[in-house]
Amino acid sequence: METWLVVGLGNPGPRFAGNRHNVGAMVAAELVARHGGGSFRTHKARASVCEVRLGVAPGGAPGPRAVVAVPSSYMNESGGPVSALLRFYSLEVAQLIVVHDELDIPAGTIRLKRGGGEGGHNGLRSVSRSLGTKDYLRVRVGIGRPPGRMDPADYVLRDFSASERKDLPVVVGEGADAVESLVAVGLVDSQQRFHAP
């Protein structure tokens, strides 16, 4: 059965833990908690990793193996850990799912795609540069545009607001659902589920 690498993007350390930019890392933590994978451990690829089984395969057997990872580098250097993990686990780019925050999608909305542009996202830009391709699966967790004239760079590095935090467990849970769906049924069927109006 196929192994997947699921990478939740974010910045390391407690100062950034509640930032909008760290919602990808929050989804990774949810996947590990959901599947009883224990705790993340430090990997030489400059990342924290935990191996889990995602969902249940037909016949009730454990689902596919996934290496859930959060780079311990800063966001704009995410590509090095991602490419090192793919090499370490002998995986192809087709087996990579990157979970990240997305300014151009309404807050709380989940969108899925393979490839395309990076929308100014420094983490994605670093991953694409390190891999030499943009052709990997992405779970895009909408955080909406900043209010007024706030600089997007400031907005993503601020914690979720009190009202956003009320909905955050649901949003993070849907992000984890989207990862499981990609692994279970593929991109097209997952898009039909998560992109429905």
C-alpha atoms as a PDB file:
ATOM      1  CA  MET A   1       0.000   0.000   0.000  1.00  0.00           C
ATOM      2  CA  GLU A   2       1.208   3.465  -0.906  1.00  0.00           C
ATOM      3  CA  THR A   3       2.940   5.715   1.623  1.00  0.00           C
ATOM      4  CA  TRP A   4       2.180   9.447   1.691  1.00  0.00           C
ATOM      5  CA  LEU A   5       4.095  12.442   2.966  1.00  0.00           C
ATOM      6  CA  VAL A   6       1.747  15.040   4.470  1.00  0.00           C
ATOM      7  CA  VAL A   7       3.477  18.332   5.316  1.00  0.00           C
ATOM      8  CA  GLY A   8       1.776  21.044   7.361  1.00  0.00           C
ATOM      9  CA  LEU A   9       3.506  24.378   6.776  1.00  0.00           C
ATOM     10  CA  GLY A  10       4.171  26.879   9.559  1.00  0.00           C
ATOM     11  CA  ASN A  11       6.835  28.687  11.549  1.00  0.00           C
ATOM     12  CA  PRO A  12       8.561  26.967  14.500  1.00  0.00           C
ATOM     13  CA  GLY A  13       8.211  27.780  18.182  1.00  0.00           C
ATOM     14  CA  PRO A  14       5.503  28.992  20.578  1.00  0.00           C
ATOM     15  CA  ARG A  15       5.626  32.610  19.359  1.00  0.00           C
ATOM     16  CA  PHE A  16       4.111  31.582  16.003  1.00  0.00           C
ATOM     17  CA  ALA A  17       1.962  28.635  17.123  1.00  0.00           C
ATOM     18  CA  GLY A  18      -1.387  30.482  17.001  1.00  0.00           C
ATOM     19  CA  ASN A  19      -0.673  32.484  13.822  1.00  0.00           C
ATOM     20  CA  ARG A  20      -2.855  32.240  10.721  1.00  0.00           C
ATOM     21  CA  HIS A  21       0.311  31.233   8.848  1.00  0.00           C
ATOM     22  CA  ASN A  22       0.514  28.088  11.027  1.00  0.00           C
ATOM     23  CA  VAL A  23      -2.844  26.575  10.172  1.00  0.00           C
ATOM     24  CA  GLY A  24      -1.099  23.933   8.032  1.00  0.00           C
ATOM     25  CA  ALA A  25       0.894  22.780  11.066  1.00  0.00           C
ATOM     26  CA  MET A  26      -2.368  22.739  13.076  1.00  0.00           C
ATOM     27  CA  VAL A  27      -3.924  20.359  10.523  1.00  0.00           C
ATOM     28  CA  ALA A  28      -0.857  18.102  10.747  1.00  0.00           C
ATOM     29  CA  ALA A  29      -1.217  17.975  14.548  1.00  0.00           C
ATOM     30  CA  GLU A  30      -4.924  17.141  14.172  1.00  0.00           C
ATOM     31  CA  LEU A  31      -4.129  14.212  11.859  1.00  0.00           C
ATOM     32  CA  VAL A  32      -1.636  12.809  14.372  1.00  0.00           C
ATOM     33  CA  ALA A  33      -4.068  13.252  17.290  1.00  0.00           C
ATOM     34  CA  ARG A  34      -6.921  11.727  15.293  1.00  0.00           C
ATOM     35  CA  HIS A  35      -5.010   8.594  14.367  1.00  0.00           C
ATOM     36  CA  GLY A  36      -3.381   7.903  17.705  1.00  0.00           C
ATOM     37  CA  GLY A  37       0.051   8.226  16.199  1.00  0.00           C
ATOM     38  CA  GLY A  38       1.659   9.268  19.461  1.00  0.00           C
ATOM     39  CA  SER A  39       3.771  12.381  19.256  1.00  0.00           C
ATOM     40  CA  PHE A  40       6.018  14.066  16.735  1.00  0.00           C
ATOM     41  CA  ARG A  41       9.703  13.232  16.918  1.00  0.00           C
ATOM     42  CA  THR A  42      12.627  15.215  15.619  1.00  0.00           C
ATOM     43  CA  HIS A  43      13.942  14.094  12.224  1.00  0.00           C
ATOM     44  CA  LYS A  44      17.360  14.850  10.782  1.00  0.00           C
ATOM     45  CA  ALA A  45      15.625  16.435   7.760  1.00  0.00           C
ATOM     46  CA  ARG A  46      14.916  19.530   9.919  1.00  0.00           C
ATOM     47  CA  ALA A  47      11.348  18.504  10.633  1.00  0.00           C
ATOM     48  CA  SER A  48       9.141  16.883  13.254  1.00  0.00           C
ATOM     49  CA  VAL A  49       7.523  13.689  11.976  1.00  0.00           C
ATOM     50  CA  CYS A  50       4.997  11.105  13.083  1.00  0.00           C
ATOM     51  CA  GLU A  51       3.986   7.986  11.153  1.00  0.00           C
ATOM     52  CA  VAL A  52       0.274   7.157  11.191  1.00  0.00           C
ATOM     53  CA  ARG A  53      -2.270   5.064   9.330  1.00  0.00           C
ATOM     54  CA  LEU A  54      -4.883   7.270   7.682  1.00  0.00           C
ATOM     55  CA  GLY A  55      -8.429   5.993   7.862  1.00  0.00           C
ATOM     56  CA  VAL A  56      -9.505   2.425   7.165  1.00  0.00           C
ATOM     57  CA  ALA A  57      -8.913   0.419   4.007  1.00  0.00           C
ATOM     58  CA  PRO A  58     -11.639  -1.736   2.417  1.00  0.00           C
ATOM     59  CA  GLY A  59     -12.282  -4.821   4.530  1.00  0.00           C
ATOM     60  CA  GLY A  60     -11.478  -2.985   7.745  1.00  0.00           C
ATOM     61  CA  ALA A  61      -7.699  -3.167   7.443  1.00  0.00           C
ATOM     62  CA  PRO A  62      -5.633  -0.169   8.577  1.00  0.00           C
ATOM     63  CA  GLY A  63      -5.535   2.592   5.990  1.00  0.00           C
ATOM     64  CA  PRO A  64      -2.496   3.784   4.036  1.00  0.00           C
ATOM     65  CA  ARG A  65       0.673   4.768   5.850  1.00  0.00           C
ATOM     66  CA  ALA A  66       1.392   8.477   6.078  1.00  0.00           C
ATOM     67  CA  VAL A  67       4.403  10.347   7.346  1.00  0.00           C
ATOM     68  CA  VAL A  68       2.934  13.533   8.840  1.00  0.00           C
ATOM     69  CA  ALA A  69       5.576  16.249   9.083  1.00  0.00           C
ATOM     70  CA  VAL A  70       6.022  19.854  10.171  1.00  0.00           C
ATOM     71  CA  PRO A  71       9.278  21.536   9.064  1.00  0.00           C
ATOM     72  CA  SER A  72      11.321  22.968  11.943  1.00  0.00           C
ATOM     73  CA  SER A  73      12.734  25.611   9.588  1.00  0.00           C
ATOM     74  CA  TYR A  74      11.068  28.958   9.038  1.00  0.00           C
ATOM     75  CA  MET A  75       8.281  29.101   6.474  1.00  0.00           C
ATOM     76  CA  ASN A  76      10.430  30.588   3.695  1.00  0.00           C
ATOM     77  CA  GLU A  77      12.872  27.643   4.017  1.00  0.00           C
ATOM     78  CA  SER A  78      10.255  24.854   4.011  1.00  0.00           C
ATOM     79  CA  GLY A  79      11.496  23.346   0.754  1.00  0.00           C
ATOM     80  CA  GLY A  80      14.721  21.895   2.164  1.00  0.00           C
ATOM     81  CA  PRO A  81      12.988  19.731   4.788  1.00  0.00           C
ATOM     82  CA  VAL A  82      10.273  18.650   2.329  1.00  0.00           C
ATOM     83  CA  SER A  83      12.726  17.496  -0.344  1.00  0.00           C
ATOM     84  CA  ALA A  84      14.920  15.806   2.304  1.00  0.00           C
ATOM     85  CA  LEU A  85      11.923  13.876   3.677  1.00  0.00           C
ATOM     86  CA  LEU A  86      10.884  12.703   0.203  1.00  0.00           C
ATOM     87  CA  ARG A  87      14.428  11.405  -0.332  1.00  0.00           C
ATOM     88  CA  PHE A  88      14.652   9.791   3.115  1.00  0.00           C
ATOM     89  CA  TYR A  89      11.376   7.885   2.681  1.00  0.00           C
ATOM     90  CA  SER A  90      12.014   7.173  -1.041  1.00  0.00           C
ATOM     91  CA  LEU A  91       8.784   8.872  -2.087  1.00  0.00           C
ATOM     92  CA  GLU A  92       7.795  10.647  -5.287  1.00  0.00           C
ATOM     93  CA  VAL A  93       6.316  14.143  -5.574  1.00  0.00           C
ATOM     94  CA  ALA A  94       3.002  12.438  -6.510  1.00  0.00           C
ATOM     95  CA  GLN A  95       2.860  11.111  -2.917  1.00  0.00           C
ATOM     96  CA  LEU A  96       3.250  14.572  -1.339  1.00  0.00           C
ATOM     97  CA  ILE A  97       0.383  16.614   0.163  1.00  0.00           C
ATOM     98  CA  VAL A  98       1.214  20.129   1.399  1.00  0.00           C
ATOM     99  CA  VAL A  99      -1.261  21.814   3.779  1.00  0.00           C
ATOM    100  CA  HIS A 100      -1.039  25.612   3.962  1.00  0.00           C
ATOM    101  CA  ASP A 101      -2.855  28.869   4.681  1.00  0.00           C
ATOM    102  CA  GLU A 102      -4.357  30.708   1.713  1.00  0.00           C
ATOM    103  CA  LEU A 103      -5.140  34.450   1.602  1.00  0.00           C
ATOM    104  CA  ASP A 104      -7.142  34.261  -1.624  1.00  0.00           C
ATOM    105  CA  ILE A 105      -9.828  31.955  -0.221  1.00  0.00           C
ATOM    106  CA  PRO A 106     -12.546  33.053   2.250  1.00  0.00           C
ATOM    107  CA  ALA A 107     -11.722  32.262   5.880  1.00  0.00           C
ATOM    108  CA  GLY A 108     -12.684  28.746   6.887  1.00  0.00           C
ATOM    109  CA  THR A 109     -12.982  27.447   3.310  1.00  0.00           C
ATOM    110  CA  ILE A 110     -11.012  24.375   2.158  1.00  0.00           C
ATOM    111  CA  ARG A 111      -9.857  24.050  -1.449  1.00  0.00           C
ATOM    112  CA  LEU A 112      -7.786  21.298  -3.078  1.00  0.00           C
ATOM    113  CA  LYS A 113      -5.564  21.395  -6.124  1.00  0.00           C
ATOM    114  CA  ARG A 114      -2.465  19.979  -7.747  1.00  0.00           C
ATOM    115  CA  GLY A 115       0.127  22.410  -9.083  1.00  0.00           C
ATOM    116  CA  GLY A 116      -0.519  25.994 -10.102  1.00  0.00           C
ATOM    117  CA  GLY A 117       0.900  29.221  -8.745  1.00  0.00           C
ATOM    118  CA  GLU A 118       2.015  29.966  -5.205  1.00  0.00           C
ATOM    119  CA  GLY A 119       0.009  33.186  -4.729  1.00  0.00           C
ATOM    120  CA  GLY A 120       2.919  34.924  -3.028  1.00  0.00           C
ATOM    121  CA  HIS A 121       3.143  32.186  -0.361  1.00  0.00           C
ATOM    122  CA  ASN A 122       6.819  31.951   0.641  1.00  0.00           C
ATOM    123  CA  GLY A 123       6.466  28.407   1.987  1.00  0.00           C
ATOM    124  CA  LEU A 124       5.028  27.104  -1.279  1.00  0.00           C
ATOM    125  CA  ARG A 125       7.610  29.052  -3.267  1.00  0.00           C
ATOM    126  CA  SER A 126      10.396  27.379  -1.278  1.00  0.00           C
ATOM    127  CA  VAL A 127       8.865  23.913  -1.707  1.00  0.00           C
ATOM    128  CA  SER A 128       8.431  24.369  -5.476  1.00  0.00           C
ATOM    129  CA  ARG A 129      11.996  25.649  -5.838  1.00  0.00           C
ATOM    130  CA  SER A 130      13.493  22.757  -3.849  1.00  0.00           C
ATOM    131  CA  LEU A 131      11.464  20.116  -5.683  1.00  0.00           C
ATOM    132  CA  GLY A 132      11.968  21.681  -9.120  1.00  0.00           C
ATOM    133  CA  THR A 133       8.221  21.369  -9.752  1.00  0.00           C
ATOM    134  CA  LYS A 134       4.902  22.900  -8.662  1.00  0.00           C
ATOM    135  CA  ASP A 135       3.073  19.669  -9.451  1.00  0.00           C
ATOM    136  CA  TYR A 136       2.187  18.459  -5.940  1.00  0.00           C
ATOM    137  CA  LEU A 137      -1.124  18.163  -4.105  1.00  0.00           C
ATOM    138  CA  ARG A 138      -2.194  21.051  -1.892  1.00  0.00           C
ATOM    139  CA  VAL A 139      -4.814  21.432   0.802  1.00  0.00           C
ATOM    140  CA  ARG A 140      -5.462  25.187   0.906  1.00  0.00           C
ATOM    141  CA  VAL A 141      -7.019  26.430   4.152  1.00  0.00           C
ATOM    142  CA  GLY A 142      -8.640  29.821   3.574  1.00  0.00           C
ATOM    143  CA  ILE A 143      -7.752  32.629   5.987  1.00  0.00           C
ATOM    144  CA  GLY A 144      -9.281  35.472   3.939  1.00  0.00           C
ATOM    145  CA  ARG A 145      -7.759  38.826   3.044  1.00  0.00           C
ATOM    146  CA  PRO A 146      -6.487  41.255   5.690  1.00  0.00           C
ATOM    147  CA  PRO A 147      -8.863  44.041   6.741  1.00  0.00           C
ATOM    148  CA  GLY A 148      -8.396  47.574   5.456  1.00  0.00           C
ATOM    149  CA  ARG A 149      -4.850  48.368   4.446  1.00  0.00           C
ATOM    150  CA  MET A 150      -3.114  45.854   6.690  1.00  0.00           C
ATOM    151  CA  ASP A 151      -0.022  44.341   5.076  1.00  0.00           C
ATOM    152  CA  PRO A 152      -0.698  40.672   4.224  1.00  0.00           C
ATOM    153  CA  ALA A 153       2.708  39.784   5.737  1.00  0.00           C
ATOM    154  CA  ASP A 154       1.556  41.217   9.086  1.00  0.00           C
ATOM    155  CA  TYR A 155      -1.859  39.583   8.801  1.00  0.00           C
ATOM    156  CA  VAL A 156      -0.567  36.035   8.343  1.00  0.00           C
ATOM    157  CA  LEU A 157       1.813  36.433  11.312  1.00  0.00           C
ATOM    158  CA  ARG A 158      -0.986  37.446  13.684  1.00  0.00           C
ATOM    159  CA  ASP A 159      -2.965  35.006  15.787  1.00  0.00           C
ATOM    160  CA  PHE A 160      -6.479  34.105  14.726  1.00  0.00           C
ATOM    161  CA  SER A 161      -9.044  36.552  16.127  1.00  0.00           C
ATOM    162  CA  ALA A 162     -11.366  35.531  18.975  1.00  0.00           C
ATOM    163  CA  SER A 163     -14.276  34.934  16.565  1.00  0.00           C
ATOM    164  CA  GLU A 164     -12.045  32.945  14.188  1.00  0.00           C
ATOM    165  CA  ARG A 165     -10.770  30.828  17.080  1.00  0.00           C
ATOM    166  CA  LYS A 166     -14.329  29.703  17.825  1.00  0.00           C
ATOM    167  CA  ASP A 167     -14.536  28.122  14.369  1.00  0.00           C
ATOM    168  CA  LEU A 168     -10.903  27.025  14.179  1.00  0.00           C
ATOM    169  CA  PRO A 169     -11.374  23.441  15.472  1.00  0.00           C
ATOM    170  CA  VAL A 170     -13.981  22.853  12.739  1.00  0.00           C
ATOM    171  CA  VAL A 171     -11.753  24.360  10.031  1.00  0.00           C
ATOM    172  CA  VAL A 172      -8.693  22.379  11.155  1.00  0.00           C
ATOM    173  CA  GLY A 173     -10.831  19.236  11.287  1.00  0.00           C
ATOM    174  CA  GLU A 174     -12.045  19.833   7.730  1.00  0.00           C
ATOM    175  CA  GLY A 175      -8.443  20.318   6.619  1.00  0.00           C
ATOM    176  CA  ALA A 176      -7.605  16.915   8.113  1.00  0.00           C
ATOM    177  CA  ASP A 177     -10.708  15.425   6.444  1.00  0.00           C
ATOM    178  CA  ALA A 178      -9.474  16.800   3.119  1.00  0.00           C
ATOM    179  CA  VAL A 179      -6.082  15.112   3.516  1.00  0.00           C
ATOM    180  CA  GLU A 180      -7.788  11.789   4.312  1.00  0.00           C
ATOM    181  CA  SER A 181     -10.099  12.214   1.328  1.00  0.00           C
ATOM    182  CA  LEU A 182      -7.187  12.857  -1.065  1.00  0.00           C
ATOM    183  CA  VAL A 183      -5.511   9.673   0.131  1.00  0.00           C
ATOM    184  CA  ALA A 184      -8.717   7.613   0.015  1.00  0.00           C
ATOM    185  CA  VAL A 185     -10.422   8.712  -3.215  1.00  0.00           C
ATOM    186  CA  GLY A 186      -8.031  11.051  -5.062  1.00  0.00           C
ATOM    187  CA  LEU A 187      -8.178  14.675  -6.156  1.00  0.00           C
ATOM    188  CA  VAL A 188     -11.221  14.835  -8.449  1.00  0.00           C
ATOM    189  CA  ASP A 189     -13.652  13.130  -6.067  1.00  0.00           C
ATOM    190  CA  SER A 190     -12.276  15.131  -3.134  1.00  0.00           C
ATOM    191  CA  GLN A 191     -12.719  18.400  -5.027  1.00  0.00           C
ATOM    192  CA  GLN A 192     -16.350  17.502  -5.701  1.00  0.00           C
ATOM    193  CA  ARG A 193     -16.869  16.978  -1.976  1.00  0.00           C
ATOM    194  CA  PHE A 194     -15.020  20.031  -0.639  1.00  0.00           C
ATOM    195  CA  HIS A 195     -15.747  22.509  -3.441  1.00  0.00           C
ATOM    196  CA  ALA A 196     -19.519  21.967  -3.416  1.00  0.00           C
ATOM    197  CA  PRO A 197     -21.402  25.241  -2.768  1.00  0.00           C
END
